[in-house]
Amino acid sequence: MGLPVNALPDAIARVQVDANASVTLLVTAPRAYQGVGVRVEIHPGALKVIVVEPYSPAARANIQVGETIVGIGAERVSEMTDQEAASSLSLAAERGSKLSVADAEGKNEREVTLDRGYVWLVL
């Protein structure tokens, strides 16, 4: 589908879905942000990857959905509190940290280095 030709950046667009419903959208240019580009579930001793954003440091490091992050920098996730693990992961790309990544069963561990690039959201 796409946006109408007359859609202006930073404008509000209302799309009529049917006689009783409409959707209001804010039309903006894409913006990059810094981060790792993953969503994780906290598991004992690991962070399970549930989403990898395309065009993110995680995607460029070939991290896959279903894998587990078991180490961030020089620390093992098993030695961190949940909050420490989440915080360390959120800063990992900015710091250019290495991540220890294992498969879904926690085996076949490998080390990847995150770049300090941006996450570009794709809609």
C-alpha atoms as a PDB file:
ATOM      1  CA  MET A   1       0.000   0.000   0.000  1.00  0.00           C
ATOM      2  CA  GLY A   2       2.190   2.945   1.058  1.00  0.00           C
ATOM      3  CA  LEU A   3       1.568   6.535   2.010  1.00  0.00           C
ATOM      4  CA  PRO A   4      -0.397   8.983  -0.121  1.00  0.00           C
ATOM      5  CA  VAL A   5       1.719  11.259  -2.294  1.00  0.00           C
ATOM      6  CA  ASN A   6       0.454  14.273  -0.381  1.00  0.00           C
ATOM      7  CA  ALA A   7       1.539  12.924   3.051  1.00  0.00           C
ATOM      8  CA  LEU A   8       3.773  15.481   4.737  1.00  0.00           C
ATOM      9  CA  PRO A   9       6.569  14.552   7.142  1.00  0.00           C
ATOM     10  CA  ASP A  10       5.604  14.935  10.812  1.00  0.00           C
ATOM     11  CA  ALA A  11       1.938  15.172   9.829  1.00  0.00           C
ATOM     12  CA  ILE A  12      -0.949  13.281  11.332  1.00  0.00           C
ATOM     13  CA  ALA A  13      -2.837  11.019   8.936  1.00  0.00           C
ATOM     14  CA  ARG A  14      -6.202   9.452   9.656  1.00  0.00           C
ATOM     15  CA  VAL A  15      -7.132   6.264   7.790  1.00  0.00           C
ATOM     16  CA  GLN A  16     -10.795   5.261   7.763  1.00  0.00           C
ATOM     17  CA  VAL A  17     -10.945   1.473   8.265  1.00  0.00           C
ATOM     18  CA  ASP A  18     -14.720   1.127   8.061  1.00  0.00           C
ATOM     19  CA  ALA A  19     -17.795   3.188   8.926  1.00  0.00           C
ATOM     20  CA  ASN A  20     -17.100   2.962  12.679  1.00  0.00           C
ATOM     21  CA  ALA A  21     -13.324   2.799  12.940  1.00  0.00           C
ATOM     22  CA  SER A  22     -10.296   4.810  11.928  1.00  0.00           C
ATOM     23  CA  VAL A  23      -6.583   4.671  12.647  1.00  0.00           C
ATOM     24  CA  THR A  24      -4.531   7.790  13.299  1.00  0.00           C
ATOM     25  CA  LEU A  25      -0.861   7.703  12.263  1.00  0.00           C
ATOM     26  CA  LEU A  26       2.002  10.125  12.748  1.00  0.00           C
ATOM     27  CA  VAL A  27       4.006  10.236   9.521  1.00  0.00           C
ATOM     28  CA  THR A  28       7.702  10.707  10.272  1.00  0.00           C
ATOM     29  CA  ALA A  29      10.947  10.023   8.528  1.00  0.00           C
ATOM     30  CA  PRO A  30      12.773   6.911   9.778  1.00  0.00           C
ATOM     31  CA  ARG A  31      15.146   7.589  12.644  1.00  0.00           C
ATOM     32  CA  ALA A  32      18.009   5.417  13.675  1.00  0.00           C
ATOM     33  CA  TYR A  33      18.777   4.765  17.318  1.00  0.00           C
ATOM     34  CA  GLN A  34      21.687   3.204  19.128  1.00  0.00           C
ATOM     35  CA  GLY A  35      21.318  -0.128  20.841  1.00  0.00           C
ATOM     36  CA  VAL A  36      21.839  -3.841  20.353  1.00  0.00           C
ATOM     37  CA  GLY A  37      18.647  -4.491  18.381  1.00  0.00           C
ATOM     38  CA  VAL A  38      17.351  -7.531  20.272  1.00  0.00           C
ATOM     39  CA  ARG A  39      14.499  -8.317  22.605  1.00  0.00           C
ATOM     40  CA  VAL A  40      15.220 -11.012  25.145  1.00  0.00           C
ATOM     41  CA  GLU A  41      13.568 -13.120  27.808  1.00  0.00           C
ATOM     42  CA  ILE A  42      15.474 -13.455  31.053  1.00  0.00           C
ATOM     43  CA  HIS A  43      16.213 -17.103  31.853  1.00  0.00           C
ATOM     44  CA  PRO A  44      18.416 -18.525  34.622  1.00  0.00           C
ATOM     45  CA  GLY A  45      21.999 -17.940  33.479  1.00  0.00           C
ATOM     46  CA  ALA A  46      21.092 -16.649  30.023  1.00  0.00           C
ATOM     47  CA  LEU A  47      19.135 -14.136  27.976  1.00  0.00           C
ATOM     48  CA  LYS A  48      17.041 -15.872  25.314  1.00  0.00           C
ATOM     49  CA  VAL A  49      16.797 -13.894  22.068  1.00  0.00           C
ATOM     50  CA  ILE A  50      13.165 -13.582  20.984  1.00  0.00           C
ATOM     51  CA  VAL A  51      13.477 -10.777  18.387  1.00  0.00           C
ATOM     52  CA  VAL A  52      16.402  -9.537  16.289  1.00  0.00           C
ATOM     53  CA  GLU A  53      15.799  -6.226  14.542  1.00  0.00           C
ATOM     54  CA  PRO A  54      17.015  -6.201  10.929  1.00  0.00           C
ATOM     55  CA  TYR A  55      19.801  -3.678  10.255  1.00  0.00           C
ATOM     56  CA  SER A  56      20.969  -3.744  13.892  1.00  0.00           C
ATOM     57  CA  PRO A  57      24.321  -4.530  15.511  1.00  0.00           C
ATOM     58  CA  ALA A  58      22.831  -7.900  16.602  1.00  0.00           C
ATOM     59  CA  ALA A  59      21.730  -8.736  13.051  1.00  0.00           C
ATOM     60  CA  ARG A  60      25.120  -7.695  11.660  1.00  0.00           C
ATOM     61  CA  ALA A  61      26.759 -10.011  14.247  1.00  0.00           C
ATOM     62  CA  ASN A  62      24.502 -12.844  12.961  1.00  0.00           C
ATOM     63  CA  ILE A  63      22.667 -13.353  16.268  1.00  0.00           C
ATOM     64  CA  GLN A  64      19.570 -15.481  15.638  1.00  0.00           C
ATOM     65  CA  VAL A  65      16.169 -15.783  17.314  1.00  0.00           C
ATOM     66  CA  GLY A  66      16.229 -18.718  19.741  1.00  0.00           C
ATOM     67  CA  GLU A  67      19.910 -18.359  20.618  1.00  0.00           C
ATOM     68  CA  THR A  68      20.940 -17.472  24.159  1.00  0.00           C
ATOM     69  CA  ILE A  69      23.326 -14.782  25.312  1.00  0.00           C
ATOM     70  CA  VAL A  70      25.418 -16.337  28.081  1.00  0.00           C
ATOM     71  CA  GLY A  71      28.165 -13.732  28.413  1.00  0.00           C
ATOM     72  CA  ILE A  72      28.468  -9.962  28.023  1.00  0.00           C
ATOM     73  CA  GLY A  73      31.977  -8.581  27.885  1.00  0.00           C
ATOM     74  CA  ALA A  74      34.111 -10.505  30.376  1.00  0.00           C
ATOM     75  CA  GLU A  75      31.155 -11.453  32.606  1.00  0.00           C
ATOM     76  CA  ARG A  76      28.877 -14.476  32.474  1.00  0.00           C
ATOM     77  CA  VAL A  77      25.146 -13.786  32.619  1.00  0.00           C
ATOM     78  CA  SER A  78      24.897 -16.482  35.308  1.00  0.00           C
ATOM     79  CA  GLU A  79      27.006 -14.262  37.604  1.00  0.00           C
ATOM     80  CA  MET A  80      24.768 -11.188  37.124  1.00  0.00           C
ATOM     81  CA  THR A  81      21.430 -10.194  38.564  1.00  0.00           C
ATOM     82  CA  ASP A  82      18.594  -9.863  36.045  1.00  0.00           C
ATOM     83  CA  GLN A  83      18.926  -6.076  36.198  1.00  0.00           C
ATOM     84  CA  GLU A  84      22.702  -6.164  35.701  1.00  0.00           C
ATOM     85  CA  ALA A  85      22.336  -8.475  32.691  1.00  0.00           C
ATOM     86  CA  ALA A  86      19.659  -6.275  31.104  1.00  0.00           C
ATOM     87  CA  SER A  87      21.687  -3.117  31.727  1.00  0.00           C
ATOM     88  CA  SER A  88      24.941  -4.635  30.418  1.00  0.00           C
ATOM     89  CA  LEU A  89      23.188  -5.872  27.299  1.00  0.00           C
ATOM     90  CA  SER A  90      21.575  -2.480  26.635  1.00  0.00           C
ATOM     91  CA  LEU A  91      25.036  -0.845  26.695  1.00  0.00           C
ATOM     92  CA  ALA A  92      26.854  -3.613  24.823  1.00  0.00           C
ATOM     93  CA  ALA A  93      26.702  -2.031  21.349  1.00  0.00           C
ATOM     94  CA  GLU A  94      27.730   1.404  22.624  1.00  0.00           C
ATOM     95  CA  ARG A  95      30.738  -0.203  24.313  1.00  0.00           C
ATOM     96  CA  GLY A  96      31.549  -2.493  21.378  1.00  0.00           C
ATOM     97  CA  SER A  97      31.304  -5.435  23.776  1.00  0.00           C
ATOM     98  CA  LYS A  98      31.775  -9.047  22.860  1.00  0.00           C
ATOM     99  CA  LEU A  99      28.850 -11.357  23.521  1.00  0.00           C
ATOM    100  CA  SER A 100      29.052 -15.074  24.171  1.00  0.00           C
ATOM    101  CA  VAL A 101      26.160 -16.619  22.285  1.00  0.00           C
ATOM    102  CA  ALA A 102      25.017 -20.248  22.484  1.00  0.00           C
ATOM    103  CA  ASP A 103      22.367 -22.201  20.623  1.00  0.00           C
ATOM    104  CA  ALA A 104      18.905 -22.800  22.091  1.00  0.00           C
ATOM    105  CA  GLU A 105      20.193 -25.744  24.143  1.00  0.00           C
ATOM    106  CA  GLY A 106      23.038 -23.665  25.598  1.00  0.00           C
ATOM    107  CA  LYS A 107      25.661 -25.511  23.540  1.00  0.00           C
ATOM    108  CA  ASN A 108      27.945 -24.568  20.637  1.00  0.00           C
ATOM    109  CA  GLU A 109      28.995 -21.304  22.252  1.00  0.00           C
ATOM    110  CA  ARG A 110      30.569 -18.648  20.031  1.00  0.00           C
ATOM    111  CA  GLU A 111      31.801 -15.123  20.573  1.00  0.00           C
ATOM    112  CA  VAL A 112      30.555 -12.171  18.520  1.00  0.00           C
ATOM    113  CA  THR A 113      31.557  -8.517  18.612  1.00  0.00           C
ATOM    114  CA  LEU A 114      28.868  -5.893  18.268  1.00  0.00           C
ATOM    115  CA  ASP A 115      29.592  -2.878  16.127  1.00  0.00           C
ATOM    116  CA  ARG A 116      28.773   0.616  17.346  1.00  0.00           C
ATOM    117  CA  GLY A 117      26.368   1.243  14.492  1.00  0.00           C
ATOM    118  CA  TYR A 118      22.735   2.158  14.579  1.00  0.00           C
ATOM    119  CA  VAL A 119      19.488   0.210  14.578  1.00  0.00           C
ATOM    120  CA  TRP A 120      17.307   1.130  11.600  1.00  0.00           C
ATOM    121  CA  LEU A 121      13.689   0.193  12.159  1.00  0.00           C
ATOM    122  CA  VAL A 122      11.891  -1.397   9.251  1.00  0.00           C
ATOM    123  CA  LEU A 123       8.108  -1.208   9.045  1.00  0.00           C
END
